[in-house]
Structures are given as structure tokens and as C-alpha cells.
Amino acid sequence: MQTSEKQGSGLVTSTSTADNTQNVSKVQVWLTPSQSEFIEFVLFYGASELSKSLKLVHDMALYHSDISINADEKRALFGVKCLWEGVEEI
């Protein structure tokens, strides 16, 4: 991962990808160091690659397994589905 002096600062300000940083949103969100690290990982690894990986793991567990799935496991698979769909939007 890349390192910089601002790494782990915890402040995220949304910007438009079509515009430069002159059009910074007024909404600021403070992140924990672990949240910031996760976002850096997603951006470093590539959102589309991570999304594809999560979808593959979900589909393998759900469709290519003979193991019965209980309620907790269904919720976990739904969480993975929500995560990959959220990452797709990045």
C-alpha cells in the first residue's frame, strides 16, 4: 500500500470523480483507523476485483456446496452480497 503523511488521518471528504478537488463536498465523515485502512485496501486492490472475488465466494458457498445452510450462515452470505454490491458502486 502507499504511505503518506496523511495516511490514517481519519477524515474523508467526498469529491466528484468528474471534477477536481475544487468541488469538495461539505459533508465530512471521521473514520476509525481500521475503516480508513479498509478503504485504502479496496482502492489499492481495485473495487471491481474485490467485488468479483466476494461474488465468487458467495456463489461457491451458496450454489456449489452440499452443506446445509442455517439462519446465521444465510445472514452472513447476505452480508457478503451487500458488501460486494456496495463495493461495485465505488
PDB file of N, CA and C in Angstrom:
ATOM      1  N   MET A   1       0.825  -1.177   0.000  1.00  0.00           N
ATOM      2  CA  MET A   1       0.000   0.000   0.000  1.00  0.00           C
ATOM      3  C   MET A   1       0.872   1.244   0.000  1.00  0.00           C
ATOM      4  N   GLN A   2       0.293   2.322  -0.458  1.00  0.00           N
ATOM      5  CA  GLN A   2       1.017   3.570  -0.461  1.00  0.00           C
ATOM      6  C   GLN A   2       0.963   4.184   0.924  1.00  0.00           C
ATOM      7  N   THR A   3       2.029   4.876   1.269  1.00  0.00           N
ATOM      8  CA  THR A   3       2.032   5.571   2.543  1.00  0.00           C
ATOM      9  C   THR A   3       2.222   7.049   2.284  1.00  0.00           C
ATOM     10  N   SER A   4       1.666   7.838   3.148  1.00  0.00           N
ATOM     11  CA  SER A   4       1.834   9.275   3.050  1.00  0.00           C
ATOM     12  C   SER A   4       1.679   9.864   4.433  1.00  0.00           C
ATOM     13  N   GLU A   5       1.952  11.140   4.542  1.00  0.00           N
ATOM     14  CA  GLU A   5       1.826  11.801   5.838  1.00  0.00           C
ATOM     15  C   GLU A   5       0.383  11.858   6.288  1.00  0.00           C
ATOM     16  N   LYS A   6      -0.563  11.868   5.369  1.00  0.00           N
ATOM     17  CA  LYS A   6      -1.973  11.985   5.706  1.00  0.00           C
ATOM     18  C   LYS A   6      -2.621  10.631   5.964  1.00  0.00           C
ATOM     19  N   GLN A   7      -1.925   9.538   5.750  1.00  0.00           N
ATOM     20  CA  GLN A   7      -2.493   8.214   5.938  1.00  0.00           C
ATOM     21  C   GLN A   7      -2.953   8.038   7.368  1.00  0.00           C
ATOM     22  N   GLY A   8      -4.173   7.525   7.515  1.00  0.00           N
ATOM     23  CA  GLY A   8      -4.702   7.285   8.840  1.00  0.00           C
ATOM     24  C   GLY A   8      -5.226   8.537   9.517  1.00  0.00           C
ATOM     25  N   SER A   9      -5.372   9.623   8.763  1.00  0.00           N
ATOM     26  CA  SER A   9      -5.863  10.853   9.376  1.00  0.00           C
ATOM     27  C   SER A   9      -7.311  10.716   9.796  1.00  0.00           C
ATOM     28  N   GLY A  10      -8.059   9.840   9.135  1.00  0.00           N
ATOM     29  CA  GLY A  10      -9.415   9.554   9.558  1.00  0.00           C
ATOM     30  C   GLY A  10     -10.462  10.483   8.991  1.00  0.00           C
ATOM     31  N   LEU A  11     -10.103  11.477   8.215  1.00  0.00           N
ATOM     32  CA  LEU A  11     -11.073  12.398   7.659  1.00  0.00           C
ATOM     33  C   LEU A  11     -11.273  12.072   6.202  1.00  0.00           C
ATOM     34  N   VAL A  12     -12.526  11.825   5.822  1.00  0.00           N
ATOM     35  CA  VAL A  12     -12.852  11.547   4.438  1.00  0.00           C
ATOM     36  C   VAL A  12     -13.810  12.619   3.968  1.00  0.00           C
ATOM     37  N   THR A  13     -13.498  13.232   2.853  1.00  0.00           N
ATOM     38  CA  THR A  13     -14.366  14.219   2.249  1.00  0.00           C
ATOM     39  C   THR A  13     -14.686  13.746   0.856  1.00  0.00           C
ATOM     40  N   SER A  14     -15.973  13.625   0.535  1.00  0.00           N
ATOM     41  CA  SER A  14     -16.336  13.105  -0.770  1.00  0.00           C
ATOM     42  C   SER A  14     -16.115  14.159  -1.840  1.00  0.00           C
ATOM     43  N   THR A  15     -15.648  13.697  -3.003  1.00  0.00           N
ATOM     44  CA  THR A  15     -15.451  14.574  -4.141  1.00  0.00           C
ATOM     45  C   THR A  15     -16.050  13.924  -5.363  1.00  0.00           C
ATOM     46  N   SER A  16     -16.347  14.716  -6.331  1.00  0.00           N
ATOM     47  CA  SER A  16     -16.873  14.207  -7.588  1.00  0.00           C
ATOM     48  C   SER A  16     -15.716  13.707  -8.428  1.00  0.00           C
ATOM     49  N   THR A  17     -15.864  12.523  -9.029  1.00  0.00           N
ATOM     50  CA  THR A  17     -14.788  11.988  -9.858  1.00  0.00           C
ATOM     51  C   THR A  17     -14.690  12.740 -11.173  1.00  0.00           C
ATOM     52  N   ALA A  18     -15.743  13.417 -11.576  1.00  0.00           N
ATOM     53  CA  ALA A  18     -15.711  14.158 -12.822  1.00  0.00           C
ATOM     54  C   ALA A  18     -15.018  15.508 -12.658  1.00  0.00           C
ATOM     55  N   ASP A  19     -14.979  16.010 -11.457  1.00  0.00           N
ATOM     56  CA  ASP A  19     -14.394  17.321 -11.202  1.00  0.00           C
ATOM     57  C   ASP A  19     -13.107  17.172 -10.407  1.00  0.00           C
ATOM     58  N   ASN A  20     -12.383  18.272 -10.278  1.00  0.00           N
ATOM     59  CA  ASN A  20     -11.177  18.219  -9.466  1.00  0.00           C
ATOM     60  C   ASN A  20     -11.528  18.528  -8.017  1.00  0.00           C
ATOM     61  N   THR A  21     -10.538  18.715  -7.194  1.00  0.00           N
ATOM     62  CA  THR A  21     -10.772  18.881  -5.760  1.00  0.00           C
ATOM     63  C   THR A  21     -11.344  20.241  -5.386  1.00  0.00           C
ATOM     64  N   GLN A  22     -11.571  21.095  -6.346  1.00  0.00           N
ATOM     65  CA  GLN A  22     -12.180  22.387  -6.040  1.00  0.00           C
ATOM     66  C   GLN A  22     -13.641  22.229  -5.642  1.00  0.00           C
ATOM     67  N   ASN A  23     -14.265  21.131  -6.036  1.00  0.00           N
ATOM     68  CA  ASN A  23     -15.674  20.895  -5.747  1.00  0.00           C
ATOM     69  C   ASN A  23     -15.827  19.868  -4.637  1.00  0.00           C
ATOM     70  N   VAL A  24     -15.266  20.152  -3.491  1.00  0.00           N
ATOM     71  CA  VAL A  24     -15.292  19.235  -2.365  1.00  0.00           C
ATOM     72  C   VAL A  24     -16.634  19.351  -1.659  1.00  0.00           C
ATOM     73  N   SER A  25     -17.218  18.210  -1.330  1.00  0.00           N
ATOM     74  CA  SER A  25     -18.487  18.195  -0.610  1.00  0.00           C
ATOM     75  C   SER A  25     -18.308  18.782   0.783  1.00  0.00           C
ATOM     76  N   LYS A  26     -19.368  19.346   1.329  1.00  0.00           N
ATOM     77  CA  LYS A  26     -19.313  19.912   2.665  1.00  0.00           C
ATOM     78  C   LYS A  26     -19.516  18.851   3.740  1.00  0.00           C
ATOM     79  N   VAL A  27     -19.824  17.627   3.333  1.00  0.00           N
ATOM     80  CA  VAL A  27     -20.030  16.550   4.289  1.00  0.00           C
ATOM     81  C   VAL A  27     -18.686  15.909   4.604  1.00  0.00           C
ATOM     82  N   GLN A  28     -18.332  15.883   5.889  1.00  0.00           N
ATOM     83  CA  GLN A  28     -17.088  15.260   6.315  1.00  0.00           C
ATOM     84  C   GLN A  28     -17.426  14.133   7.274  1.00  0.00           C
ATOM     85  N   VAL A  29     -16.768  13.000   7.094  1.00  0.00           N
ATOM     86  CA  VAL A  29     -17.008  11.833   7.921  1.00  0.00           C
ATOM     87  C   VAL A  29     -15.683  11.427   8.554  1.00  0.00           C
ATOM     88  N   TRP A  30     -15.690  11.257   9.868  1.00  0.00           N
ATOM     89  CA  TRP A  30     -14.489  10.796  10.565  1.00  0.00           C
ATOM     90  C   TRP A  30     -14.491   9.283  10.587  1.00  0.00           C
ATOM     91  N   LEU A  31     -13.387   8.696  10.174  1.00  0.00           N
ATOM     92  CA  LEU A  31     -13.247   7.244  10.138  1.00  0.00           C
ATOM     93  C   LEU A  31     -12.266   6.790  11.198  1.00  0.00           C
ATOM     94  N   THR A  32     -12.493   5.578  11.668  1.00  0.00           N
ATOM     95  CA  THR A  32     -11.516   4.973  12.557  1.00  0.00           C
ATOM     96  C   THR A  32     -10.316   4.554  11.708  1.00  0.00           C
ATOM     97  N   PRO A  33      -9.169   4.325  12.328  1.00  0.00           N
ATOM     98  CA  PRO A  33      -8.014   3.875  11.550  1.00  0.00           C
ATOM     99  C   PRO A  33      -8.284   2.578  10.778  1.00  0.00           C
ATOM    100  N   SER A  34      -9.048   1.654  11.363  1.00  0.00           N
ATOM    101  CA  SER A  34      -9.329   0.396  10.659  1.00  0.00           C
ATOM    102  C   SER A  34     -10.246   0.629   9.466  1.00  0.00           C
ATOM    103  N   GLN A  35     -11.202   1.553   9.579  1.00  0.00           N
ATOM    104  CA  GLN A  35     -12.068   1.877   8.451  1.00  0.00           C
ATOM    105  C   GLN A  35     -11.266   2.526   7.337  1.00  0.00           C
ATOM    106  N   SER A  36     -10.384   3.417   7.701  1.00  0.00           N
ATOM    107  CA  SER A  36      -9.527   4.073   6.721  1.00  0.00           C
ATOM    108  C   SER A  36      -8.630   3.053   6.019  1.00  0.00           C
ATOM    109  N   GLU A  37      -8.081   2.131   6.779  1.00  0.00           N
ATOM    110  CA  GLU A  37      -7.225   1.088   6.208  1.00  0.00           C
ATOM    111  C   GLU A  37      -8.008   0.201   5.250  1.00  0.00           C
ATOM    112  N   PHE A  38      -9.263  -0.127   5.606  1.00  0.00           N
ATOM    113  CA  PHE A  38     -10.103  -0.956   4.733  1.00  0.00           C
ATOM    114  C   PHE A  38     -10.360  -0.238   3.416  1.00  0.00           C
ATOM    115  N   ILE A  39     -10.689   1.043   3.479  1.00  0.00           N
ATOM    116  CA  ILE A  39     -10.946   1.804   2.256  1.00  0.00           C
ATOM    117  C   ILE A  39      -9.691   1.886   1.406  1.00  0.00           C
ATOM    118  N   GLU A  40      -8.541   2.091   2.030  1.00  0.00           N
ATOM    119  CA  GLU A  40      -7.282   2.112   1.290  1.00  0.00           C
ATOM    120  C   GLU A  40      -7.035   0.765   0.611  1.00  0.00           C
ATOM    121  N   PHE A  41      -7.352  -0.333   1.300  1.00  0.00           N
ATOM    122  CA  PHE A  41      -7.177  -1.657   0.704  1.00  0.00           C
ATOM    123  C   PHE A  41      -8.072  -1.826  -0.513  1.00  0.00           C
ATOM    124  N   VAL A  42      -9.331  -1.430  -0.383  1.00  0.00           N
ATOM    125  CA  VAL A  42     -10.274  -1.561  -1.502  1.00  0.00           C
ATOM    126  C   VAL A  42      -9.774  -0.763  -2.701  1.00  0.00           C
ATOM    127  N   LEU A  43      -9.327   0.454  -2.457  1.00  0.00           N
ATOM    128  CA  LEU A  43      -8.840   1.280  -3.554  1.00  0.00           C
ATOM    129  C   LEU A  43      -7.543   0.731  -4.147  1.00  0.00           C
ATOM    130  N   PHE A  44      -6.674   0.175  -3.297  1.00  0.00           N
ATOM    131  CA  PHE A  44      -5.415  -0.394  -3.776  1.00  0.00           C
ATOM    132  C   PHE A  44      -5.669  -1.674  -4.586  1.00  0.00           C
ATOM    133  N   TYR A  45      -6.497  -2.557  -4.057  1.00  0.00           N
ATOM    134  CA  TYR A  45      -6.761  -3.844  -4.698  1.00  0.00           C
ATOM    135  C   TYR A  45      -7.589  -3.670  -5.955  1.00  0.00           C
ATOM    136  N   GLY A  46      -8.482  -2.727  -5.934  1.00  0.00           N
ATOM    137  CA  GLY A  46      -9.382  -2.487  -7.054  1.00  0.00           C
ATOM    138  C   GLY A  46     -10.789  -2.911  -6.674  1.00  0.00           C
ATOM    139  N   ALA A  47     -11.702  -1.987  -6.713  1.00  0.00           N
ATOM    140  CA  ALA A  47     -13.070  -2.259  -6.292  1.00  0.00           C
ATOM    141  C   ALA A  47     -13.715  -3.341  -7.143  1.00  0.00           C
ATOM    142  N   SER A  48     -13.497  -3.319  -8.442  1.00  0.00           N
ATOM    143  CA  SER A  48     -14.133  -4.322  -9.305  1.00  0.00           C
ATOM    144  C   SER A  48     -13.570  -5.717  -9.037  1.00  0.00           C
ATOM    145  N   GLU A  49     -12.263  -5.820  -8.798  1.00  0.00           N
ATOM    146  CA  GLU A  49     -11.661  -7.123  -8.489  1.00  0.00           C
ATOM    147  C   GLU A  49     -12.172  -7.664  -7.157  1.00  0.00           C
ATOM    148  N   LEU A  50     -12.252  -6.799  -6.157  1.00  0.00           N
ATOM    149  CA  LEU A  50     -12.754  -7.226  -4.849  1.00  0.00           C
ATOM    150  C   LEU A  50     -14.209  -7.646  -4.958  1.00  0.00           C
ATOM    151  N   SER A  51     -14.992  -6.904  -5.712  1.00  0.00           N
ATOM    152  CA  SER A  51     -16.400  -7.242  -5.899  1.00  0.00           C
ATOM    153  C   SER A  51     -16.552  -8.612  -6.559  1.00  0.00           C
ATOM    154  N   LYS A  52     -15.759  -8.869  -7.584  1.00  0.00           N
ATOM    155  CA  LYS A  52     -15.811 -10.172  -8.261  1.00  0.00           C
ATOM    156  C   LYS A  52     -15.420 -11.303  -7.315  1.00  0.00           C
ATOM    157  N   SER A  53     -14.407 -11.069  -6.494  1.00  0.00           N
ATOM    158  CA  SER A  53     -13.963 -12.086  -5.545  1.00  0.00           C
ATOM    159  C   SER A  53     -15.045 -12.398  -4.517  1.00  0.00           C
ATOM    160  N   LEU A  54     -15.672 -11.360  -3.971  1.00  0.00           N
ATOM    161  CA  LEU A  54     -16.731 -11.566  -2.988  1.00  0.00           C
ATOM    162  C   LEU A  54     -17.917 -12.301  -3.603  1.00  0.00           C
ATOM    163  N   LYS A  55     -18.272 -11.949  -4.829  1.00  0.00           N
ATOM    164  CA  LYS A  55     -19.387 -12.625  -5.509  1.00  0.00           C
ATOM    165  C   LYS A  55     -19.057 -14.095  -5.728  1.00  0.00           C
ATOM    166  N   LEU A  56     -17.827 -14.394  -6.118  1.00  0.00           N
ATOM    167  CA  LEU A  56     -17.419 -15.774  -6.348  1.00  0.00           C
ATOM    168  C   LEU A  56     -17.482 -16.591  -5.062  1.00  0.00           C
ATOM    169  N   VAL A  57     -16.988 -16.037  -3.973  1.00  0.00           N
ATOM    170  CA  VAL A  57     -17.038 -16.743  -2.689  1.00  0.00           C
ATOM    171  C   VAL A  57     -18.491 -16.978  -2.275  1.00  0.00           C
ATOM    172  N   HIS A  58     -19.337 -15.969  -2.429  1.00  0.00           N
ATOM    173  CA  HIS A  58     -20.763 -16.102  -2.111  1.00  0.00           C
ATOM    174  C   HIS A  58     -21.394 -17.226  -2.923  1.00  0.00           C
ATOM    175  N   ASP A  59     -21.168 -17.199  -4.240  1.00  0.00           N
ATOM    176  CA  ASP A  59     -21.783 -18.188  -5.116  1.00  0.00           C
ATOM    177  C   ASP A  59     -21.253 -19.595  -4.851  1.00  0.00           C
ATOM    178  N   MET A  60     -19.967 -19.706  -4.551  1.00  0.00           N
ATOM    179  CA  MET A  60     -19.414 -21.029  -4.237  1.00  0.00           C
ATOM    180  C   MET A  60     -20.056 -21.587  -2.980  1.00  0.00           C
ATOM    181  N   ALA A  61     -20.184 -20.764  -1.964  1.00  0.00           N
ATOM    182  CA  ALA A  61     -20.774 -21.232  -0.704  1.00  0.00           C
ATOM    183  C   ALA A  61     -22.245 -21.573  -0.865  1.00  0.00           C
ATOM    184  N   LEU A  62     -22.943 -20.807  -1.658  1.00  0.00           N
ATOM    185  CA  LEU A  62     -24.382 -20.999  -1.783  1.00  0.00           C
ATOM    186  C   LEU A  62     -24.757 -22.060  -2.802  1.00  0.00           C
ATOM    187  N   TYR A  63     -24.113 -22.060  -3.961  1.00  0.00           N
ATOM    188  CA  TYR A  63     -24.549 -22.912  -5.059  1.00  0.00           C
ATOM    189  C   TYR A  63     -23.676 -24.137  -5.316  1.00  0.00           C
ATOM    190  N   HIS A  64     -22.467 -24.151  -4.806  1.00  0.00           N
ATOM    191  CA  HIS A  64     -21.555 -25.254  -5.112  1.00  0.00           C
ATOM    192  C   HIS A  64     -21.154 -26.020  -3.852  1.00  0.00           C
ATOM    193  N   SER A  65     -22.055 -26.061  -2.905  1.00  0.00           N
ATOM    194  CA  SER A  65     -21.771 -26.738  -1.659  1.00  0.00           C
ATOM    195  C   SER A  65     -22.940 -27.635  -1.298  1.00  0.00           C
ATOM    196  N   ASP A  66     -22.627 -28.798  -0.748  1.00  0.00           N
ATOM    197  CA  ASP A  66     -23.671 -29.728  -0.325  1.00  0.00           C
ATOM    198  C   ASP A  66     -24.019 -29.553   1.145  1.00  0.00           C
ATOM    199  N   ILE A  67     -23.402 -28.601   1.796  1.00  0.00           N
ATOM    200  CA  ILE A  67     -23.620 -28.362   3.217  1.00  0.00           C
ATOM    201  C   ILE A  67     -24.919 -27.565   3.392  1.00  0.00           C
ATOM    202  N   SER A  68     -25.735 -27.984   4.350  1.00  0.00           N
ATOM    203  CA  SER A  68     -26.953 -27.229   4.622  1.00  0.00           C
ATOM    204  C   SER A  68     -26.575 -25.906   5.291  1.00  0.00           C
ATOM    205  N   ILE A  69     -27.348 -24.885   5.000  1.00  0.00           N
ATOM    206  CA  ILE A  69     -27.052 -23.547   5.488  1.00  0.00           C
ATOM    207  C   ILE A  69     -28.107 -23.141   6.505  1.00  0.00           C
ATOM    208  N   ASN A  70     -27.660 -22.761   7.714  1.00  0.00           N
ATOM    209  CA  ASN A  70     -28.602 -22.338   8.742  1.00  0.00           C
ATOM    210  C   ASN A  70     -28.850 -20.832   8.642  1.00  0.00           C
ATOM    211  N   ALA A  71     -29.669 -20.295   9.545  1.00  0.00           N
ATOM    212  CA  ALA A  71     -30.062 -18.884   9.500  1.00  0.00           C
ATOM    213  C   ALA A  71     -28.861 -17.951   9.652  1.00  0.00           C
ATOM    214  N   ASP A  72     -27.941 -18.274  10.553  1.00  0.00           N
ATOM    215  CA  ASP A  72     -26.758 -17.422  10.743  1.00  0.00           C
ATOM    216  C   ASP A  72     -25.903 -17.379   9.482  1.00  0.00           C
ATOM    217  N   GLU A  73     -25.748 -18.513   8.850  1.00  0.00           N
ATOM    218  CA  GLU A  73     -24.948 -18.581   7.625  1.00  0.00           C
ATOM    219  C   GLU A  73     -25.633 -17.848   6.482  1.00  0.00           C
ATOM    220  N   LYS A  74     -26.972 -17.915   6.428  1.00  0.00           N
ATOM    221  CA  LYS A  74     -27.706 -17.162   5.407  1.00  0.00           C
ATOM    222  C   LYS A  74     -27.513 -15.661   5.602  1.00  0.00           C
ATOM    223  N   ARG A  75     -27.544 -15.215   6.855  1.00  0.00           N
ATOM    224  CA  ARG A  75     -27.311 -13.790   7.133  1.00  0.00           C
ATOM    225  C   ARG A  75     -25.892 -13.392   6.734  1.00  0.00           C
ATOM    226  N   ALA A  76     -24.931 -14.270   6.991  1.00  0.00           N
ATOM    227  CA  ALA A  76     -23.548 -13.981   6.616  1.00  0.00           C
ATOM    228  C   ALA A  76     -23.404 -13.890   5.094  1.00  0.00           C
ATOM    229  N   LEU A  77     -24.042 -14.794   4.376  1.00  0.00           N
ATOM    230  CA  LEU A  77     -23.991 -14.745   2.914  1.00  0.00           C
ATOM    231  C   LEU A  77     -24.676 -13.493   2.386  1.00  0.00           C
ATOM    232  N   PHE A  78     -25.768 -13.097   3.035  1.00  0.00           N
ATOM    233  CA  PHE A  78     -26.437 -11.863   2.632  1.00  0.00           C
ATOM    234  C   PHE A  78     -25.527 -10.666   2.891  1.00  0.00           C
ATOM    235  N   GLY A  79     -24.788 -10.695   3.997  1.00  0.00           N
ATOM    236  CA  GLY A  79     -23.833  -9.631   4.292  1.00  0.00           C
ATOM    237  C   GLY A  79     -22.750  -9.546   3.233  1.00  0.00           C
ATOM    238  N   VAL A  80     -22.259 -10.694   2.768  1.00  0.00           N
ATOM    239  CA  VAL A  80     -21.257 -10.718   1.697  1.00  0.00           C
ATOM    240  C   VAL A  80     -21.848 -10.134   0.419  1.00  0.00           C
ATOM    241  N   LYS A  81     -23.103 -10.490   0.136  1.00  0.00           N
ATOM    242  CA  LYS A  81     -23.785  -9.964  -1.048  1.00  0.00           C
ATOM    243  C   LYS A  81     -23.907  -8.444  -0.959  1.00  0.00           C
ATOM    244  N   CYS A  82     -24.313  -7.934   0.190  1.00  0.00           N
ATOM    245  CA  CYS A  82     -24.435  -6.479   0.375  1.00  0.00           C
ATOM    246  C   CYS A  82     -23.077  -5.802   0.223  1.00  0.00           C
ATOM    247  N   LEU A  83     -22.032  -6.443   0.734  1.00  0.00           N
ATOM    248  CA  LEU A  83     -20.691  -5.882   0.638  1.00  0.00           C
ATOM    249  C   LEU A  83     -20.231  -5.812  -0.808  1.00  0.00           C
ATOM    250  N   TRP A  84     -20.407  -6.902  -1.580  1.00  0.00           N
ATOM    251  CA  TRP A  84     -19.940  -6.855  -2.967  1.00  0.00           C
ATOM    252  C   TRP A  84     -20.749  -5.847  -3.776  1.00  0.00           C
ATOM    253  N   GLU A  85     -22.044  -5.742  -3.499  1.00  0.00           N
ATOM    254  CA  GLU A  85     -22.830  -4.749  -4.226  1.00  0.00           C
ATOM    255  C   GLU A  85     -22.417  -3.331  -3.849  1.00  0.00           C
ATOM    256  N   GLY A  86     -22.070  -3.110  -2.586  1.00  0.00           N
ATOM    257  CA  GLY A  86     -21.602  -1.796  -2.178  1.00  0.00           C
ATOM    258  C   GLY A  86     -20.254  -1.459  -2.781  1.00  0.00           C
ATOM    259  N   VAL A  87     -19.380  -2.438  -2.855  1.00  0.00           N
ATOM    260  CA  VAL A  87     -18.050  -2.209  -3.437  1.00  0.00           C
ATOM    261  C   VAL A  87     -18.173  -1.934  -4.937  1.00  0.00           C
ATOM    262  N   GLU A  88     -19.148  -2.556  -5.600  1.00  0.00           N
ATOM    263  CA  GLU A  88     -19.350  -2.320  -7.027  1.00  0.00           C
ATOM    264  C   GLU A  88     -19.634  -0.848  -7.316  1.00  0.00           C
ATOM    265  N   GLU A  89     -20.254  -0.163  -6.375  1.00  0.00           N
ATOM    266  CA  GLU A  89     -20.637   1.227  -6.571  1.00  0.00           C
ATOM    267  C   GLU A  89     -19.466   2.193  -6.423  1.00  0.00           C
ATOM    268  N   ILE A  90     -18.343   1.717  -5.910  1.00  0.00           N
ATOM    269  CA  ILE A  90     -17.186   2.597  -5.716  1.00  0.00           C
ATOM    270  C   ILE A  90     -16.556   2.940  -7.044  1.00  0.00           C
TER     271      ILE A  90
END
